[in-house]
């Protein structure tokens, strides 16, 4: 394995560590988003405006944090 490949792998592993750390810090938000992604797709449950706005806020927060950790434009 050449030096360039080793450097690329090292940087990718570092990014993964940062993303995992960020995800652990946002675990509650991620769990809520996961529940929203399933619960309201089936009959018998529905979301109101407040729930939708909360989900949107959490989604944006998690997305921004991940993009920052991956050095992507926000």
N, C-alpha and C. Protein backbone atom coordinates (compact mmCIF):
# COMPACT_ATOMS: atom_id res chain seq x y z
N UNK A 1 0.85 -1.17 0.00
CA UNK A 1 0.00 0.00 0.00
C UNK A 1 0.90 1.24 0.00
N UNK A 2 0.63 2.16 -0.92
CA UNK A 2 1.50 3.33 -0.99
C UNK A 2 1.07 4.40 0.03
N UNK A 3 1.91 5.42 0.18
CA UNK A 3 1.72 6.45 1.20
C UNK A 3 0.42 7.23 0.99
N UNK A 4 0.05 7.50 -0.24
CA UNK A 4 -1.16 8.25 -0.54
C UNK A 4 -2.41 7.47 -0.10
N UNK A 5 -2.42 6.20 -0.37
CA UNK A 5 -3.55 5.35 0.03
C UNK A 5 -3.63 5.29 1.56
N UNK A 6 -2.48 5.14 2.23
CA UNK A 6 -2.46 5.11 3.69
C UNK A 6 -3.01 6.42 4.27
N UNK A 7 -2.62 7.54 3.68
CA UNK A 7 -3.10 8.83 4.16
C UNK A 7 -4.61 8.94 3.97
N UNK A 8 -5.10 8.53 2.80
CA UNK A 8 -6.53 8.59 2.52
C UNK A 8 -7.31 7.75 3.53
N UNK A 9 -6.84 6.55 3.80
CA UNK A 9 -7.51 5.66 4.75
C UNK A 9 -7.49 6.28 6.15
N UNK A 10 -6.37 6.84 6.54
CA UNK A 10 -6.26 7.46 7.85
C UNK A 10 -7.25 8.61 8.01
N UNK A 11 -7.36 9.45 6.98
CA UNK A 11 -8.31 10.56 7.03
C UNK A 11 -9.75 10.06 7.06
N UNK A 12 -10.06 9.05 6.29
CA UNK A 12 -11.42 8.49 6.26
C UNK A 12 -11.77 7.90 7.63
N UNK A 13 -10.83 7.20 8.25
CA UNK A 13 -11.08 6.64 9.57
C UNK A 13 -11.30 7.75 10.60
N UNK A 14 -10.54 8.82 10.50
CA UNK A 14 -10.72 9.96 11.40
C UNK A 14 -12.09 10.60 11.23
N UNK A 15 -12.53 10.73 9.99
CA UNK A 15 -13.86 11.28 9.73
C UNK A 15 -14.93 10.39 10.33
N UNK A 16 -14.77 9.10 10.20
CA UNK A 16 -15.74 8.15 10.74
C UNK A 16 -15.83 8.27 12.26
N UNK A 17 -14.69 8.41 12.92
CA UNK A 17 -14.67 8.57 14.38
C UNK A 17 -15.45 9.83 14.76
N UNK A 18 -15.23 10.92 14.04
CA UNK A 18 -15.92 12.17 14.34
C UNK A 18 -17.43 12.03 14.13
N UNK A 19 -17.83 11.40 13.06
CA UNK A 19 -19.25 11.22 12.78
C UNK A 19 -19.89 10.35 13.86
N UNK A 20 -19.21 9.29 14.26
CA UNK A 20 -19.77 8.42 15.32
C UNK A 20 -19.92 9.19 16.62
N UNK A 21 -18.93 10.00 16.95
CA UNK A 21 -19.00 10.80 18.17
C UNK A 21 -20.19 11.76 18.10
N UNK A 22 -20.35 12.40 16.97
CA UNK A 22 -21.46 13.33 16.78
C UNK A 22 -22.80 12.60 16.86
N UNK A 23 -22.87 11.42 16.29
CA UNK A 23 -24.11 10.65 16.32
C UNK A 23 -24.46 10.23 17.75
N UNK A 24 -23.45 9.85 18.53
CA UNK A 24 -23.72 9.49 19.93
C UNK A 24 -24.26 10.70 20.68
N UNK A 25 -23.70 11.88 20.40
CA UNK A 25 -24.14 13.09 21.07
C UNK A 25 -25.56 13.45 20.67
N UNK A 26 -25.98 13.04 19.49
CA UNK A 26 -27.32 13.37 18.99
C UNK A 26 -28.24 12.15 18.97
N UNK A 27 -27.93 11.18 19.80
CA UNK A 27 -28.68 9.92 19.78
C UNK A 27 -30.17 10.14 19.97
N UNK A 28 -30.56 11.00 20.89
CA UNK A 28 -31.99 11.23 21.14
C UNK A 28 -32.68 11.79 19.89
N UNK A 29 -32.03 12.74 19.24
CA UNK A 29 -32.60 13.30 18.02
C UNK A 29 -32.72 12.24 16.93
N UNK A 30 -31.68 11.43 16.79
CA UNK A 30 -31.70 10.39 15.77
C UNK A 30 -32.78 9.34 16.04
N UNK A 31 -32.96 8.98 17.31
CA UNK A 31 -34.00 8.01 17.65
C UNK A 31 -35.39 8.57 17.36
N UNK A 32 -35.58 9.84 17.65
CA UNK A 32 -36.86 10.46 17.37
C UNK A 32 -37.12 10.51 15.88
N UNK A 33 -36.10 10.86 15.11
CA UNK A 33 -36.26 10.88 13.65
C UNK A 33 -36.57 9.49 13.12
N UNK A 34 -35.93 8.47 13.68
CA UNK A 34 -36.19 7.11 13.24
C UNK A 34 -37.63 6.73 13.54
N UNK A 35 -38.11 7.11 14.71
CA UNK A 35 -39.51 6.81 15.05
C UNK A 35 -40.46 7.52 14.09
N UNK A 36 -40.16 8.78 13.78
CA UNK A 36 -41.00 9.53 12.84
C UNK A 36 -41.01 8.86 11.46
N UNK A 37 -39.86 8.35 11.07
CA UNK A 37 -39.75 7.80 9.71
C UNK A 37 -40.61 6.56 9.53
N UNK A 38 -40.95 5.89 10.62
CA UNK A 38 -41.75 4.67 10.54
C UNK A 38 -43.18 4.89 11.02
N UNK A 39 -43.34 5.50 12.17
CA UNK A 39 -44.65 5.57 12.84
C UNK A 39 -45.74 6.21 12.00
N UNK A 40 -45.41 7.28 11.34
CA UNK A 40 -46.45 8.04 10.65
C UNK A 40 -46.69 7.61 9.22
N UNK A 41 -46.07 6.54 8.81
CA UNK A 41 -46.28 6.01 7.46
C UNK A 41 -47.46 5.06 7.40
N UNK A 42 -47.95 4.63 8.56
CA UNK A 42 -48.99 3.61 8.61
C UNK A 42 -50.29 4.19 9.14
N UNK A 43 -51.40 3.61 8.75
CA UNK A 43 -52.71 4.08 9.25
C UNK A 43 -52.78 4.00 10.77
N UNK A 44 -53.52 4.92 11.35
CA UNK A 44 -53.71 4.91 12.79
C UNK A 44 -52.85 5.91 13.53
N UNK A 45 -51.86 6.46 12.87
CA UNK A 45 -51.01 7.48 13.49
C UNK A 45 -50.86 8.63 12.52
N UNK A 46 -50.82 9.82 13.06
CA UNK A 46 -50.61 10.98 12.19
C UNK A 46 -49.82 12.04 12.94
N UNK A 47 -49.14 12.85 12.20
CA UNK A 47 -48.33 13.91 12.78
C UNK A 47 -49.06 15.24 12.63
N UNK A 48 -48.88 16.09 13.61
CA UNK A 48 -49.42 17.43 13.48
C UNK A 48 -48.30 18.39 13.07
N UNK A 49 -48.63 19.64 12.94
CA UNK A 49 -47.65 20.63 12.48
C UNK A 49 -46.45 20.72 13.44
N UNK A 50 -46.71 20.72 14.73
CA UNK A 50 -45.62 20.83 15.71
C UNK A 50 -44.66 19.65 15.62
N UNK A 51 -45.19 18.45 15.46
CA UNK A 51 -44.34 17.26 15.33
C UNK A 51 -43.52 17.34 14.06
N UNK A 52 -44.13 17.77 12.98
CA UNK A 52 -43.42 17.89 11.71
C UNK A 52 -42.31 18.93 11.80
N UNK A 53 -42.57 20.05 12.45
CA UNK A 53 -41.55 21.09 12.59
C UNK A 53 -40.40 20.62 13.48
N UNK A 54 -40.71 19.87 14.53
CA UNK A 54 -39.66 19.32 15.39
C UNK A 54 -38.79 18.34 14.61
N UNK A 55 -39.41 17.46 13.86
CA UNK A 55 -38.65 16.50 13.04
C UNK A 55 -37.77 17.23 12.05
N UNK A 56 -38.30 18.27 11.43
CA UNK A 56 -37.52 19.04 10.45
C UNK A 56 -36.32 19.70 11.13
N UNK A 57 -36.53 20.24 12.31
CA UNK A 57 -35.43 20.90 13.05
C UNK A 57 -34.34 19.88 13.41
N UNK A 58 -34.74 18.71 13.91
CA UNK A 58 -33.77 17.68 14.26
C UNK A 58 -33.02 17.18 13.02
N UNK A 59 -33.75 16.97 11.94
CA UNK A 59 -33.13 16.52 10.69
C UNK A 59 -32.05 17.51 10.27
N UNK A 60 -32.40 18.79 10.27
CA UNK A 60 -31.45 19.81 9.82
C UNK A 60 -30.23 19.86 10.73
N UNK A 61 -30.45 19.72 12.02
CA UNK A 61 -29.36 19.75 12.99
C UNK A 61 -28.40 18.58 12.77
N UNK A 62 -28.95 17.38 12.63
CA UNK A 62 -28.11 16.19 12.42
C UNK A 62 -27.39 16.28 11.08
N UNK A 63 -28.10 16.70 10.05
CA UNK A 63 -27.50 16.83 8.71
C UNK A 63 -26.32 17.81 8.73
N UNK A 64 -26.53 18.96 9.34
CA UNK A 64 -25.47 19.97 9.40
C UNK A 64 -24.26 19.45 10.15
N UNK A 65 -24.50 18.80 11.29
CA UNK A 65 -23.39 18.27 12.08
C UNK A 65 -22.59 17.23 11.29
N UNK A 66 -23.28 16.35 10.60
CA UNK A 66 -22.59 15.33 9.80
C UNK A 66 -21.79 15.97 8.66
N UNK A 67 -22.38 16.95 7.99
CA UNK A 67 -21.68 17.60 6.89
C UNK A 67 -20.44 18.34 7.38
N UNK A 68 -20.52 18.96 8.56
CA UNK A 68 -19.36 19.63 9.13
C UNK A 68 -18.25 18.62 9.42
N UNK A 69 -18.62 17.50 10.04
CA UNK A 69 -17.62 16.48 10.37
C UNK A 69 -16.98 15.88 9.12
N UNK A 70 -17.72 15.84 8.03
CA UNK A 70 -17.19 15.29 6.78
C UNK A 70 -16.57 16.35 5.87
N UNK A 71 -16.47 17.56 6.40
CA UNK A 71 -15.86 18.70 5.68
C UNK A 71 -16.59 18.98 4.36
N UNK A 72 -17.92 18.90 4.42
CA UNK A 72 -18.75 19.20 3.26
C UNK A 72 -19.42 20.55 3.49
N UNK A 73 -19.75 21.25 2.41
CA UNK A 73 -20.43 22.54 2.60
C UNK A 73 -21.79 22.35 3.27
N UNK A 74 -22.12 23.28 4.14
CA UNK A 74 -23.41 23.22 4.81
C UNK A 74 -24.30 24.23 4.17
